[in-house]
Amino acid sequence: MKFSKIKQHIYSKIASGEWPENHPVSSENALAIQFKVSRMTARRALQELADEGLVIRSKGSGTYVAPLKSQTSFMAIRNIADEIRARQHDYEAHVHVLRQVPASLQVAEQLQVEPETPVFYSVITHLENGLPVQVEERYVNPAVATDYLKQDFRQITPHEYLSAVAPLTEASHQIEAVTPSTHVCEWLELAKPEPCLRIVRRTWSDAGVVTYAVLTHPGSRFVLGGHLTFKA
């Protein structure tokens, strides 16, 4: 999508250090002309970057790169195995599905590929002290992670593998409370459906969209928290 190209352009400027903190960001009009898009599309890109904490928009004075201390999200992407082991608990993974599938319309849109394009698909349950705490359903762009299906995800998590072959440059999240499907209940070993927290995540690298993942956590076994530091 065109607004994603604008976001990636700005992110690259920030990540490379070319645009340090408080550096002015191109205006909506300038971005619209540069990328040959409508001003509305440029506005959407800037607003999403502002929502992610990478830029600050000030009415009347423009858009600026956010101070580095504020560029930390409570949804920072971490390796679940490391989180569990940091609590001195045992980590284990059950791999339910690991195969190539044709991209549905929804998956194709999320991965920015054509419908029916072969993509990689995995379903993995992550366990803490023998108890399932997350089901990870993940679609992967084969052009970015060619050996994904060859990995033993009982020994290494998708996060670890993907971080090595396609370092993260951008991510988006959507969080909602859901009632789990029958399959998810089975994967989470729930005797009956209970409220779950679902995180829908897309990740990018320099090569483009890497993954589209749906992470489901049973409400009785999961706490979402974080720490934010704000610049005075």
C-alpha atoms as a PDB file:
ATOM      1  CA  MET A   1       0.000   0.000   0.000  1.00  0.00           C
ATOM      2  CA  LYS A   2       1.212   3.514  -0.795  1.00  0.00           C
ATOM      3  CA  PHE A   3       0.952   4.840   2.774  1.00  0.00           C
ATOM      4  CA  SER A   4       3.161   1.924   3.920  1.00  0.00           C
ATOM      5  CA  LYS A   5       5.872   3.072   1.486  1.00  0.00           C
ATOM      6  CA  ILE A   6       5.750   6.529   3.024  1.00  0.00           C
ATOM      7  CA  LYS A   7       6.048   5.061   6.524  1.00  0.00           C
ATOM      8  CA  GLN A   8       8.982   2.897   5.482  1.00  0.00           C
ATOM      9  CA  HIS A   9      10.712   5.913   3.914  1.00  0.00           C
ATOM     10  CA  ILE A  10      10.393   7.930   7.122  1.00  0.00           C
ATOM     11  CA  TYR A  11      11.356   4.989   9.316  1.00  0.00           C
ATOM     12  CA  SER A  12      14.531   4.441   7.261  1.00  0.00           C
ATOM     13  CA  LYS A  13      15.488   8.103   7.683  1.00  0.00           C
ATOM     14  CA  ILE A  14      15.078   7.791  11.458  1.00  0.00           C
ATOM     15  CA  ALA A  15      16.741   4.378  11.783  1.00  0.00           C
ATOM     16  CA  SER A  16      19.779   5.474   9.767  1.00  0.00           C
ATOM     17  CA  GLY A  17      20.240   8.563  11.941  1.00  0.00           C
ATOM     18  CA  GLU A  18      19.786  10.898   8.981  1.00  0.00           C
ATOM     19  CA  TRP A  19      16.808  12.358  10.822  1.00  0.00           C
ATOM     20  CA  PRO A  20      17.742  12.651  14.536  1.00  0.00           C
ATOM     21  CA  GLU A  21      15.254  13.388  17.291  1.00  0.00           C
ATOM     22  CA  ASN A  22      13.339  16.653  16.829  1.00  0.00           C
ATOM     23  CA  HIS A  23      14.257  16.734  13.127  1.00  0.00           C
ATOM     24  CA  PRO A  24      11.394  18.102  10.994  1.00  0.00           C
ATOM     25  CA  VAL A  25       9.525  15.501   8.926  1.00  0.00           C
ATOM     26  CA  SER A  26       8.284  16.230   5.412  1.00  0.00           C
ATOM     27  CA  SER A  27       4.841  17.821   5.323  1.00  0.00           C
ATOM     28  CA  GLU A  28       1.693  16.109   4.067  1.00  0.00           C
ATOM     29  CA  ASN A  29       1.835  18.163   0.867  1.00  0.00           C
ATOM     30  CA  ALA A  30       5.490  17.357   0.242  1.00  0.00           C
ATOM     31  CA  LEU A  31       4.956  13.626   0.831  1.00  0.00           C
ATOM     32  CA  ALA A  32       1.885  13.609  -1.400  1.00  0.00           C
ATOM     33  CA  ILE A  33       3.920  15.126  -4.236  1.00  0.00           C
ATOM     34  CA  GLN A  34       6.981  12.935  -3.657  1.00  0.00           C
ATOM     35  CA  PHE A  35       5.036   9.664  -3.595  1.00  0.00           C
ATOM     36  CA  LYS A  36       2.324  10.739  -6.034  1.00  0.00           C
ATOM     37  CA  VAL A  37      -0.507  10.067  -3.600  1.00  0.00           C
ATOM     38  CA  SER A  38      -3.386  12.055  -2.163  1.00  0.00           C
ATOM     39  CA  ARG A  39      -2.842  14.287   0.830  1.00  0.00           C
ATOM     40  CA  MET A  40      -5.207  12.002   2.780  1.00  0.00           C
ATOM     41  CA  THR A  41      -2.869   9.049   2.161  1.00  0.00           C
ATOM     42  CA  ALA A  42       0.122  11.077   3.341  1.00  0.00           C
ATOM     43  CA  ARG A  43      -1.826  12.190   6.424  1.00  0.00           C
ATOM     44  CA  ARG A  44      -2.658   8.562   7.260  1.00  0.00           C
ATOM     45  CA  ALA A  45       1.022   7.574   7.105  1.00  0.00           C
ATOM     46  CA  LEU A  46       2.059  10.420   9.411  1.00  0.00           C
ATOM     47  CA  GLN A  47      -0.769   9.745  11.835  1.00  0.00           C
ATOM     48  CA  GLU A  48       0.125   6.051  12.102  1.00  0.00           C
ATOM     49  CA  LEU A  49       3.745   6.979  12.800  1.00  0.00           C
ATOM     50  CA  ALA A  50       2.516   9.389  15.470  1.00  0.00           C
ATOM     51  CA  ASP A  51       0.331   6.655  16.993  1.00  0.00           C
ATOM     52  CA  GLU A  52       3.392   4.388  17.101  1.00  0.00           C
ATOM     53  CA  GLY A  53       5.393   7.081  18.920  1.00  0.00           C
ATOM     54  CA  LEU A  54       7.989   7.650  16.209  1.00  0.00           C
ATOM     55  CA  VAL A  55       6.960  11.218  15.359  1.00  0.00           C
ATOM     56  CA  ILE A  56       5.189  14.072  17.097  1.00  0.00           C
ATOM     57  CA  ARG A  57       2.618  16.148  15.244  1.00  0.00           C
ATOM     58  CA  SER A  58       2.019  19.713  16.379  1.00  0.00           C
ATOM     59  CA  LYS A  59      -0.750  21.781  14.886  1.00  0.00           C
ATOM     60  CA  GLY A  60       0.711  24.869  13.292  1.00  0.00           C
ATOM     61  CA  SER A  61       4.362  23.834  13.564  1.00  0.00           C
ATOM     62  CA  GLY A  62       4.454  20.537  11.665  1.00  0.00           C
ATOM     63  CA  THR A  63       5.735  17.025  12.350  1.00  0.00           C
ATOM     64  CA  TYR A  64       9.008  16.151  14.079  1.00  0.00           C
ATOM     65  CA  VAL A  65      10.958  12.995  14.951  1.00  0.00           C
ATOM     66  CA  ALA A  66      10.014  12.021  18.493  1.00  0.00           C
ATOM     67  CA  PRO A  67      12.593  12.126  21.308  1.00  0.00           C
ATOM     68  CA  LEU A  68      14.284   8.732  21.497  1.00  0.00           C
ATOM     69  CA  LYS A  69      13.084   8.065  25.048  1.00  0.00           C
ATOM     70  CA  SER A  70       9.460   8.161  23.909  1.00  0.00           C
ATOM     71  CA  GLN A  71       9.950   5.747  21.015  1.00  0.00           C
ATOM     72  CA  THR A  72       9.251   2.677  23.158  1.00  0.00           C
ATOM     73  CA  SER A  73       5.953   0.830  22.856  1.00  0.00           C
ATOM     74  CA  PHE A  74       4.371  -1.201  25.628  1.00  0.00           C
ATOM     75  CA  MET A  75       3.870  -3.760  22.856  1.00  0.00           C
ATOM     76  CA  ALA A  76       7.614  -4.182  22.286  1.00  0.00           C
ATOM     77  CA  ILE A  77       8.201  -7.420  20.405  1.00  0.00           C
ATOM     78  CA  ARG A  78       9.964  -9.960  22.585  1.00  0.00           C
ATOM     79  CA  ASN A  79      10.800 -13.628  22.285  1.00  0.00           C
ATOM     80  CA  ILE A  80       8.221 -15.527  24.342  1.00  0.00           C
ATOM     81  CA  ALA A  81      10.734 -18.259  25.184  1.00  0.00           C
ATOM     82  CA  ASP A  82      13.076 -15.678  26.713  1.00  0.00           C
ATOM     83  CA  GLU A  83      10.231 -14.106  28.707  1.00  0.00           C
ATOM     84  CA  ILE A  84       9.207 -17.468  30.179  1.00  0.00           C
ATOM     85  CA  ARG A  85      12.780 -18.487  31.001  1.00  0.00           C
ATOM     86  CA  ALA A  86      13.426 -15.092  32.589  1.00  0.00           C
ATOM     87  CA  ARG A  87      10.728 -16.030  35.113  1.00  0.00           C
ATOM     88  CA  GLN A  88      12.749 -19.185  35.878  1.00  0.00           C
ATOM     89  CA  HIS A  89       9.986 -21.273  34.312  1.00  0.00           C
ATOM     90  CA  ASP A  90      10.185 -24.099  31.787  1.00  0.00           C
ATOM     91  CA  TYR A  91       9.442 -23.285  28.148  1.00  0.00           C
ATOM     92  CA  GLU A  92       8.070 -25.758  25.607  1.00  0.00           C
ATOM     93  CA  ALA A  93       6.520 -25.501  22.137  1.00  0.00           C
ATOM     94  CA  HIS A  94       4.038 -27.746  20.334  1.00  0.00           C
ATOM     95  CA  VAL A  95       4.030 -27.421  16.531  1.00  0.00           C
ATOM     96  CA  HIS A  96       0.576 -28.198  15.144  1.00  0.00           C
ATOM     97  CA  VAL A  97       0.935 -26.947  11.560  1.00  0.00           C
ATOM     98  CA  LEU A  98       3.970 -26.103   9.404  1.00  0.00           C
ATOM     99  CA  ARG A  99       3.262 -26.022   5.678  1.00  0.00           C
ATOM    100  CA  GLN A 100       2.816 -23.994   2.511  1.00  0.00           C
ATOM    101  CA  VAL A 101      -0.683 -22.699   1.712  1.00  0.00           C
ATOM    102  CA  PRO A 102      -2.232 -20.421  -0.951  1.00  0.00           C
ATOM    103  CA  ALA A 103      -2.778 -16.889   0.347  1.00  0.00           C
ATOM    104  CA  SER A 104      -6.419 -16.019   0.959  1.00  0.00           C
ATOM    105  CA  LEU A 105      -7.609 -12.530   0.065  1.00  0.00           C
ATOM    106  CA  GLN A 106      -7.092 -11.390   3.666  1.00  0.00           C
ATOM    107  CA  VAL A 107      -3.629 -12.921   3.992  1.00  0.00           C
ATOM    108  CA  ALA A 108      -2.594 -11.613   0.565  1.00  0.00           C
ATOM    109  CA  GLU A 109      -3.580  -8.087   1.583  1.00  0.00           C
ATOM    110  CA  GLN A 110      -1.675  -8.329   4.862  1.00  0.00           C
ATOM    111  CA  LEU A 111       1.492  -9.721   3.262  1.00  0.00           C
ATOM    112  CA  GLN A 112       1.143  -7.472   0.194  1.00  0.00           C
ATOM    113  CA  VAL A 113       1.225 -10.384  -2.265  1.00  0.00           C
ATOM    114  CA  GLU A 114      -1.212 -11.563  -4.928  1.00  0.00           C
ATOM    115  CA  PRO A 115      -4.115 -13.833  -3.843  1.00  0.00           C
ATOM    116  CA  GLU A 116      -3.302 -17.554  -4.157  1.00  0.00           C
ATOM    117  CA  THR A 117       0.430 -16.831  -3.901  1.00  0.00           C
ATOM    118  CA  PRO A 118       2.087 -19.687  -1.954  1.00  0.00           C
ATOM    119  CA  VAL A 119       2.960 -18.530   1.568  1.00  0.00           C
ATOM    120  CA  PHE A 120       4.226 -20.320   4.662  1.00  0.00           C
ATOM    121  CA  TYR A 121       1.821 -21.053   7.530  1.00  0.00           C
ATOM    122  CA  SER A 122       2.522 -22.262  11.046  1.00  0.00           C
ATOM    123  CA  VAL A 123       0.492 -22.882  14.196  1.00  0.00           C
ATOM    124  CA  ILE A 124       2.465 -23.234  17.412  1.00  0.00           C
ATOM    125  CA  THR A 125       1.382 -23.404  21.044  1.00  0.00           C
ATOM    126  CA  HIS A 126       3.818 -21.938  23.562  1.00  0.00           C
ATOM    127  CA  LEU A 127       3.741 -23.496  27.038  1.00  0.00           C
ATOM    128  CA  GLU A 128       4.927 -22.240  30.420  1.00  0.00           C
ATOM    129  CA  ASN A 129       5.557 -24.957  32.984  1.00  0.00           C
ATOM    130  CA  GLY A 130       3.509 -27.302  30.816  1.00  0.00           C
ATOM    131  CA  LEU A 131       0.516 -24.966  30.546  1.00  0.00           C
ATOM    132  CA  PRO A 132      -0.394 -23.394  27.161  1.00  0.00           C
ATOM    133  CA  VAL A 133      -0.159 -19.591  27.381  1.00  0.00           C
ATOM    134  CA  GLN A 134      -0.208 -18.594  23.696  1.00  0.00           C
ATOM    135  CA  VAL A 135      -1.306 -19.913  20.326  1.00  0.00           C
ATOM    136  CA  GLU A 136       0.685 -18.354  17.493  1.00  0.00           C
ATOM    137  CA  GLU A 137      -0.859 -18.551  14.023  1.00  0.00           C
ATOM    138  CA  ARG A 138       1.623 -17.065  11.572  1.00  0.00           C
ATOM    139  CA  TYR A 139       1.743 -16.440   7.818  1.00  0.00           C
ATOM    140  CA  VAL A 140       5.203 -15.757   6.408  1.00  0.00           C
ATOM    141  CA  ASN A 141       6.340 -14.211   3.146  1.00  0.00           C
ATOM    142  CA  PRO A 142       8.542 -16.899   1.492  1.00  0.00           C
ATOM    143  CA  ALA A 143      10.458 -14.259  -0.456  1.00  0.00           C
ATOM    144  CA  VAL A 144      11.821 -12.893   2.824  1.00  0.00           C
ATOM    145  CA  ALA A 145      12.257 -16.112   4.863  1.00  0.00           C
ATOM    146  CA  THR A 146      12.926 -18.859   2.332  1.00  0.00           C
ATOM    147  CA  ASP A 147      13.906 -21.602   4.824  1.00  0.00           C
ATOM    148  CA  TYR A 148      11.045 -21.067   7.280  1.00  0.00           C
ATOM    149  CA  LEU A 149       9.536 -24.533   6.728  1.00  0.00           C
ATOM    150  CA  LYS A 150      12.894 -26.209   7.375  1.00  0.00           C
ATOM    151  CA  GLN A 151      13.134 -24.962  10.962  1.00  0.00           C
ATOM    152  CA  ASP A 152      12.501 -27.074  14.071  1.00  0.00           C
ATOM    153  CA  PHE A 153      10.288 -24.722  16.049  1.00  0.00           C
ATOM    154  CA  ARG A 154      10.468 -26.968  19.080  1.00  0.00           C
ATOM    155  CA  GLN A 155      14.085 -25.837  19.406  1.00  0.00           C
ATOM    156  CA  ILE A 156      13.923 -22.262  18.098  1.00  0.00           C
ATOM    157  CA  THR A 157      10.964 -19.868  18.055  1.00  0.00           C
ATOM    158  CA  PRO A 158       9.749 -18.189  14.840  1.00  0.00           C
ATOM    159  CA  HIS A 159      10.736 -14.881  16.442  1.00  0.00           C
ATOM    160  CA  GLU A 160      14.354 -16.019  16.839  1.00  0.00           C
ATOM    161  CA  TYR A 161      14.602 -17.347  13.287  1.00  0.00           C
ATOM    162  CA  LEU A 162      12.929 -14.352  11.657  1.00  0.00           C
ATOM    163  CA  SER A 163      14.981 -11.864  13.680  1.00  0.00           C
ATOM    164  CA  ALA A 164      18.115 -13.510  12.274  1.00  0.00           C
ATOM    165  CA  VAL A 165      17.100 -13.639   8.594  1.00  0.00           C
ATOM    166  CA  ALA A 166      14.900 -10.534   8.355  1.00  0.00           C
ATOM    167  CA  PRO A 167      15.674  -8.018  11.131  1.00  0.00           C
ATOM    168  CA  LEU A 168      12.593  -6.059  12.161  1.00  0.00           C
ATOM    169  CA  THR A 169      12.246  -2.480  11.003  1.00  0.00           C
ATOM    170  CA  GLU A 170       8.533  -1.875  11.638  1.00  0.00           C
ATOM    171  CA  ALA A 171       5.536  -3.508  13.294  1.00  0.00           C
ATOM    172  CA  SER A 172       1.841  -2.848  13.794  1.00  0.00           C
ATOM    173  CA  HIS A 173      -0.532  -4.260  16.399  1.00  0.00           C
ATOM    174  CA  GLN A 174      -4.257  -4.633  16.953  1.00  0.00           C
ATOM    175  CA  ILE A 175      -5.524  -5.916  20.299  1.00  0.00           C
ATOM    176  CA  GLU A 176      -8.991  -7.216  21.077  1.00  0.00           C
ATOM    177  CA  ALA A 177     -10.881  -9.492  23.455  1.00  0.00           C
ATOM    178  CA  VAL A 178     -12.329 -12.539  21.695  1.00  0.00           C
ATOM    179  CA  THR A 179     -14.110 -15.816  22.273  1.00  0.00           C
ATOM    180  CA  PRO A 180     -11.752 -18.510  20.971  1.00  0.00           C
ATOM    181  CA  SER A 181     -12.678 -20.863  18.140  1.00  0.00           C
ATOM    182  CA  THR A 182     -12.923 -24.612  18.680  1.00  0.00           C
ATOM    183  CA  HIS A 183      -9.455 -25.122  17.207  1.00  0.00           C
ATOM    184  CA  VAL A 184      -7.902 -22.482  19.464  1.00  0.00           C
ATOM    185  CA  CYS A 185      -9.584 -24.038  22.516  1.00  0.00           C
ATOM    186  CA  GLU A 186      -8.014 -27.362  21.560  1.00  0.00           C
ATOM    187  CA  TRP A 187      -4.572 -25.828  21.029  1.00  0.00           C
ATOM    188  CA  LEU A 188      -4.805 -23.973  24.374  1.00  0.00           C
ATOM    189  CA  GLU A 189      -6.219 -27.068  26.097  1.00  0.00           C
ATOM    190  CA  LEU A 190      -9.235 -25.152  27.383  1.00  0.00           C
ATOM    191  CA  ALA A 191     -12.003 -27.363  28.771  1.00  0.00           C
ATOM    192  CA  LYS A 192     -14.521 -24.728  27.689  1.00  0.00           C
ATOM    193  CA  PRO A 193     -14.269 -21.371  25.896  1.00  0.00           C
ATOM    194  CA  GLU A 194     -13.115 -18.457  28.022  1.00  0.00           C
ATOM    195  CA  PRO A 195     -12.329 -14.819  27.169  1.00  0.00           C
ATOM    196  CA  CYS A 196      -9.009 -14.515  25.367  1.00  0.00           C
ATOM    197  CA  LEU A 197      -6.783 -11.638  24.354  1.00  0.00           C
ATOM    198  CA  ARG A 198      -5.891 -11.631  20.668  1.00  0.00           C
ATOM    199  CA  ILE A 199      -2.993  -9.626  19.234  1.00  0.00           C
ATOM    200  CA  VAL A 200      -2.883  -9.257  15.455  1.00  0.00           C
ATOM    201  CA  ARG A 201       0.608  -8.278  14.361  1.00  0.00           C
ATOM    202  CA  ARG A 202       2.313  -7.410  11.079  1.00  0.00           C
ATOM    203  CA  THR A 203       6.074  -7.028  10.824  1.00  0.00           C
ATOM    204  CA  TRP A 204       8.326  -5.508   8.189  1.00  0.00           C
ATOM    205  CA  SER A 205      12.021  -5.707   7.329  1.00  0.00           C
ATOM    206  CA  ASP A 206      14.001  -3.771   4.750  1.00  0.00           C
ATOM    207  CA  ALA A 207      12.798  -6.347   2.192  1.00  0.00           C
ATOM    208  CA  GLY A 208       9.091  -5.634   2.862  1.00  0.00           C
ATOM    209  CA  VAL A 209       6.322  -7.331   4.845  1.00  0.00           C
ATOM    210  CA  VAL A 210       7.674 -10.402   6.642  1.00  0.00           C
ATOM    211  CA  THR A 211       4.779 -11.840   8.617  1.00  0.00           C
ATOM    212  CA  TYR A 212       1.133 -11.588   9.528  1.00  0.00           C
ATOM    213  CA  ALA A 213       0.500 -13.241  12.893  1.00  0.00           C
ATOM    214  CA  VAL A 214      -2.442 -13.830  15.216  1.00  0.00           C
ATOM    215  CA  LEU A 215      -1.435 -14.436  18.844  1.00  0.00           C
ATOM    216  CA  THR A 216      -4.151 -15.691  21.215  1.00  0.00           C
ATOM    217  CA  HIS A 217      -3.719 -15.756  24.989  1.00  0.00           C
ATOM    218  CA  PRO A 218      -6.230 -17.256  27.473  1.00  0.00           C
ATOM    219  CA  GLY A 219      -7.357 -14.506  29.828  1.00  0.00           C
ATOM    220  CA  SER A 220      -6.852 -16.677  32.917  1.00  0.00           C
ATOM    221  CA  ARG A 221      -3.172 -17.284  32.085  1.00  0.00           C
ATOM    222  CA  PHE A 222      -1.962 -13.957  30.714  1.00  0.00           C
ATOM    223  CA  VAL A 223      -1.158 -10.477  32.007  1.00  0.00           C
ATOM    224  CA  LEU A 224      -0.323  -7.621  29.623  1.00  0.00           C
ATOM    225  CA  GLY A 225       1.987  -5.027  31.066  1.00  0.00           C
ATOM    226  CA  GLY A 226       4.832  -2.706  30.253  1.00  0.00           C
ATOM    227  CA  HIS A 227       6.903   0.278  31.296  1.00  0.00           C
ATOM    228  CA  LEU A 228       7.056   3.608  29.528  1.00  0.00           C
ATOM    229  CA  THR A 229       9.645   6.334  30.011  1.00  0.00           C
ATOM    230  CA  PHE A 230       8.623   9.883  29.113  1.00  0.00           C
ATOM    231  CA  LYS A 231      11.085  12.689  28.453  1.00  0.00           C
ATOM    232  CA  ALA A 232      10.621  15.623  30.816  1.00  0.00           C
END
